[in-house]
Amino acid sequence: MTNSIALLMALLIGGVLAVDHYWLGGDMPLFLARQFVNLVEYLSFWR
């Protein structure tokens, strides 16, 4: 991954988090964390 791609991805993630915070109520990071926990629990079944 080049530096320009990493910078673009960081700006994109930061922009999405800023839009979520200011316009959508700021619940997206918590929702994604809960979905990630569900995914880990699902994948641990197959271990």
PDB file of N, CA and C in Angstrom:
ATOM      1  N   MET A   1       0.855  -1.164   0.000  1.00  0.00           N
ATOM      2  CA  MET A   1       0.000   0.000   0.000  1.00  0.00           C
ATOM      3  C   MET A   1       0.903   1.230   0.000  1.00  0.00           C
ATOM      4  N   THR A   2       0.631   2.104  -0.900  1.00  0.00           N
ATOM      5  CA  THR A   2       1.439   3.320  -0.988  1.00  0.00           C
ATOM      6  C   THR A   2       0.925   4.365   0.005  1.00  0.00           C
ATOM      7  N   ASN A   3       1.745   5.365   0.223  1.00  0.00           N
ATOM      8  CA  ASN A   3       1.369   6.421   1.169  1.00  0.00           C
ATOM      9  C   ASN A   3       0.138   7.185   0.704  1.00  0.00           C
ATOM     10  N   SER A   4       0.001   7.394  -0.587  1.00  0.00           N
ATOM     11  CA  SER A   4      -1.145   8.154  -1.087  1.00  0.00           C
ATOM     12  C   SER A   4      -2.446   7.369  -0.870  1.00  0.00           C
ATOM     13  N   ILE A   5      -2.405   6.052  -1.053  1.00  0.00           N
ATOM     14  CA  ILE A   5      -3.600   5.244  -0.822  1.00  0.00           C
ATOM     15  C   ILE A   5      -3.941   5.223   0.662  1.00  0.00           C
ATOM     16  N   ALA A   6      -2.928   5.107   1.519  1.00  0.00           N
ATOM     17  CA  ALA A   6      -3.162   5.105   2.968  1.00  0.00           C
ATOM     18  C   ALA A   6      -3.753   6.439   3.424  1.00  0.00           C
ATOM     19  N   LEU A   7      -3.248   7.527   2.889  1.00  0.00           N
ATOM     20  CA  LEU A   7      -3.773   8.850   3.244  1.00  0.00           C
ATOM     21  C   LEU A   7      -5.208   9.007   2.772  1.00  0.00           C
ATOM     22  N   LEU A   8      -5.500   8.550   1.573  1.00  0.00           N
ATOM     23  CA  LEU A   8      -6.856   8.625   1.048  1.00  0.00           C
ATOM     24  C   LEU A   8      -7.826   7.807   1.905  1.00  0.00           C
ATOM     25  N   MET A   9      -7.408   6.618   2.284  1.00  0.00           N
ATOM     26  CA  MET A   9      -8.262   5.775   3.128  1.00  0.00           C
ATOM     27  C   MET A   9      -8.489   6.412   4.500  1.00  0.00           C
ATOM     28  N   ALA A  10      -7.449   7.001   5.082  1.00  0.00           N
ATOM     29  CA  ALA A  10      -7.584   7.663   6.383  1.00  0.00           C
ATOM     30  C   ALA A  10      -8.541   8.848   6.294  1.00  0.00           C
ATOM     31  N   LEU A  11      -8.426   9.633   5.226  1.00  0.00           N
ATOM     32  CA  LEU A  11      -9.334  10.772   5.040  1.00  0.00           C
ATOM     33  C   LEU A  11     -10.769  10.308   4.821  1.00  0.00           C
ATOM     34  N   LEU A  12     -10.942   9.220   4.089  1.00  0.00           N
ATOM     35  CA  LEU A  12     -12.277   8.688   3.835  1.00  0.00           C
ATOM     36  C   LEU A  12     -12.921   8.187   5.125  1.00  0.00           C
ATOM     37  N   ILE A  13     -12.169   7.446   5.920  1.00  0.00           N
ATOM     38  CA  ILE A  13     -12.703   6.941   7.190  1.00  0.00           C
ATOM     39  C   ILE A  13     -13.010   8.104   8.129  1.00  0.00           C
ATOM     40  N   GLY A  14     -12.110   9.070   8.202  1.00  0.00           N
ATOM     41  CA  GLY A  14     -12.350  10.246   9.039  1.00  0.00           C
ATOM     42  C   GLY A  14     -13.573  11.030   8.587  1.00  0.00           C
ATOM     43  N   GLY A  15     -13.754  11.141   7.282  1.00  0.00           N
ATOM     44  CA  GLY A  15     -14.927  11.842   6.750  1.00  0.00           C
ATOM     45  C   GLY A  15     -16.225  11.129   7.080  1.00  0.00           C
ATOM     46  N   VAL A  16     -16.211   9.814   6.945  1.00  0.00           N
ATOM     47  CA  VAL A  16     -17.415   9.033   7.279  1.00  0.00           C
ATOM     48  C   VAL A  16     -17.746   9.177   8.758  1.00  0.00           C
ATOM     49  N   LEU A  17     -16.744   9.117   9.615  1.00  0.00           N
ATOM     50  CA  LEU A  17     -16.993   9.291  11.051  1.00  0.00           C
ATOM     51  C   LEU A  17     -17.481  10.699  11.383  1.00  0.00           C
ATOM     52  N   ALA A  18     -16.956  11.705  10.695  1.00  0.00           N
ATOM     53  CA  ALA A  18     -17.401  13.079  10.926  1.00  0.00           C
ATOM     54  C   ALA A  18     -18.848  13.267  10.474  1.00  0.00           C
ATOM     55  N   VAL A  19     -19.200  12.727   9.315  1.00  0.00           N
ATOM     56  CA  VAL A  19     -20.583  12.829   8.832  1.00  0.00           C
ATOM     57  C   VAL A  19     -21.517  12.117   9.802  1.00  0.00           C
ATOM     58  N   ASP A  20     -21.119  10.949  10.274  1.00  0.00           N
ATOM     59  CA  ASP A  20     -21.950  10.220  11.224  1.00  0.00           C
ATOM     60  C   ASP A  20     -22.124  11.016  12.510  1.00  0.00           C
ATOM     61  N   HIS A  21     -21.074  11.633  12.991  1.00  0.00           N
ATOM     62  CA  HIS A  21     -21.150  12.379  14.247  1.00  0.00           C
ATOM     63  C   HIS A  21     -22.049  13.614  14.127  1.00  0.00           C
ATOM     64  N   TYR A  22     -21.894  14.374  13.054  1.00  0.00           N
ATOM     65  CA  TYR A  22     -22.607  15.638  12.946  1.00  0.00           C
ATOM     66  C   TYR A  22     -24.017  15.524  12.380  1.00  0.00           C
ATOM     67  N   TRP A  23     -24.258  14.562  11.500  1.00  0.00           N
ATOM     68  CA  TRP A  23     -25.571  14.505  10.848  1.00  0.00           C
ATOM     69  C   TRP A  23     -26.405  13.282  11.211  1.00  0.00           C
ATOM     70  N   LEU A  24     -25.768  12.193  11.601  1.00  0.00           N
ATOM     71  CA  LEU A  24     -26.512  10.949  11.799  1.00  0.00           C
ATOM     72  C   LEU A  24     -26.613  10.520  13.258  1.00  0.00           C
ATOM     73  N   GLY A  25     -26.108  11.282  14.172  1.00  0.00           N
ATOM     74  CA  GLY A  25     -26.285  10.977  15.580  1.00  0.00           C
ATOM     75  C   GLY A  25     -25.117  10.273  16.248  1.00  0.00           C
ATOM     76  N   GLY A  26     -24.152   9.804  15.502  1.00  0.00           N
ATOM     77  CA  GLY A  26     -22.950   9.238  16.093  1.00  0.00           C
ATOM     78  C   GLY A  26     -23.061   7.818  16.590  1.00  0.00           C
ATOM     79  N   ASP A  27     -24.019   7.049  16.089  1.00  0.00           N
ATOM     80  CA  ASP A  27     -24.191   5.682  16.567  1.00  0.00           C
ATOM     81  C   ASP A  27     -23.467   4.640  15.727  1.00  0.00           C
ATOM     82  N   MET A  28     -22.881   5.030  14.621  1.00  0.00           N
ATOM     83  CA  MET A  28     -22.278   4.055  13.718  1.00  0.00           C
ATOM     84  C   MET A  28     -21.092   3.295  14.320  1.00  0.00           C
ATOM     85  N   PRO A  29     -20.149   3.931  15.029  1.00  0.00           N
ATOM     86  CA  PRO A  29     -19.028   3.151  15.574  1.00  0.00           C
ATOM     87  C   PRO A  29     -19.482   2.075  16.563  1.00  0.00           C
ATOM     88  N   LEU A  30     -20.455   2.376  17.386  1.00  0.00           N
ATOM     89  CA  LEU A  30     -20.961   1.386  18.333  1.00  0.00           C
ATOM     90  C   LEU A  30     -21.681   0.251  17.602  1.00  0.00           C
ATOM     91  N   PHE A  31     -22.456   0.586  16.586  1.00  0.00           N
ATOM     92  CA  PHE A  31     -23.130  -0.438  15.790  1.00  0.00           C
ATOM     93  C   PHE A  31     -22.120  -1.357  15.121  1.00  0.00           C
ATOM     94  N   LEU A  32     -21.077  -0.779  14.520  1.00  0.00           N
ATOM     95  CA  LEU A  32     -20.067  -1.591  13.854  1.00  0.00           C
ATOM     96  C   LEU A  32     -19.303  -2.460  14.849  1.00  0.00           C
ATOM     97  N   ALA A  33     -19.040  -1.942  16.035  1.00  0.00           N
ATOM     98  CA  ALA A  33     -18.356  -2.741  17.054  1.00  0.00           C
ATOM     99  C   ALA A  33     -19.210  -3.925  17.475  1.00  0.00           C
ATOM    100  N   ARG A  34     -20.506  -3.716  17.648  1.00  0.00           N
ATOM    101  CA  ARG A  34     -21.395  -4.823  18.018  1.00  0.00           C
ATOM    102  C   ARG A  34     -21.490  -5.861  16.904  1.00  0.00           C
ATOM    103  N   GLN A  35     -21.533  -5.409  15.658  1.00  0.00           N
ATOM    104  CA  GLN A  35     -21.580  -6.345  14.547  1.00  0.00           C
ATOM    105  C   GLN A  35     -20.274  -7.128  14.428  1.00  0.00           C
ATOM    106  N   PHE A  36     -19.156  -6.495  14.738  1.00  0.00           N
ATOM    107  CA  PHE A  36     -17.872  -7.186  14.711  1.00  0.00           C
ATOM    108  C   PHE A  36     -17.812  -8.265  15.792  1.00  0.00           C
ATOM    109  N   VAL A  37     -18.354  -7.966  16.965  1.00  0.00           N
ATOM    110  CA  VAL A  37     -18.407  -8.968  18.031  1.00  0.00           C
ATOM    111  C   VAL A  37     -19.263 -10.148  17.596  1.00  0.00           C
ATOM    112  N   ASN A  38     -20.391  -9.882  16.961  1.00  0.00           N
ATOM    113  CA  ASN A  38     -21.232 -10.970  16.451  1.00  0.00           C
ATOM    114  C   ASN A  38     -20.497 -11.799  15.405  1.00  0.00           C
ATOM    115  N   LEU A  39     -19.741 -11.149  14.538  1.00  0.00           N
ATOM    116  CA  LEU A  39     -18.978 -11.860  13.521  1.00  0.00           C
ATOM    117  C   LEU A  39     -17.907 -12.746  14.157  1.00  0.00           C
ATOM    118  N   VAL A  40     -17.217 -12.239  15.163  1.00  0.00           N
ATOM    119  CA  VAL A  40     -16.185 -13.032  15.841  1.00  0.00           C
ATOM    120  C   VAL A  40     -16.805 -14.234  16.525  1.00  0.00           C
ATOM    121  N   GLU A  41     -17.951 -14.050  17.167  1.00  0.00           N
ATOM    122  CA  GLU A  41     -18.625 -15.181  17.805  1.00  0.00           C
ATOM    123  C   GLU A  41     -19.068 -16.207  16.770  1.00  0.00           C
ATOM    124  N   TYR A  42     -19.549 -15.760  15.636  1.00  0.00           N
ATOM    125  CA  TYR A  42     -19.965 -16.675  14.576  1.00  0.00           C
ATOM    126  C   TYR A  42     -18.772 -17.449  14.035  1.00  0.00           C
ATOM    127  N   LEU A  43     -17.668 -16.761  13.809  1.00  0.00           N
ATOM    128  CA  LEU A  43     -16.488 -17.417  13.273  1.00  0.00           C
ATOM    129  C   LEU A  43     -15.834 -18.350  14.291  1.00  0.00           C
ATOM    130  N   SER A  44     -15.975 -18.056  15.571  1.00  0.00           N
ATOM    131  CA  SER A  44     -15.391 -18.943  16.585  1.00  0.00           C
ATOM    132  C   SER A  44     -16.110 -20.269  16.626  1.00  0.00           C
ATOM    133  N   PHE A  45     -17.340 -20.312  16.162  1.00  0.00           N
ATOM    134  CA  PHE A  45     -18.073 -21.584  16.082  1.00  0.00           C
ATOM    135  C   PHE A  45     -17.392 -22.533  15.121  1.00  0.00           C
ATOM    136  N   TRP A  46     -16.840 -22.012  14.043  1.00  0.00           N
ATOM    137  CA  TRP A  46     -16.231 -22.841  13.004  1.00  0.00           C
ATOM    138  C   TRP A  46     -14.791 -23.233  13.320  1.00  0.00           C
ATOM    139  N   ARG A  47     -14.268 -22.785  14.413  1.00  0.00           N
ATOM    140  CA  ARG A  47     -12.879 -23.082  14.759  1.00  0.00           C
ATOM    141  C   ARG A  47     -12.687 -24.486  15.192  1.00  0.00           C
TER     142      ARG A  47
END
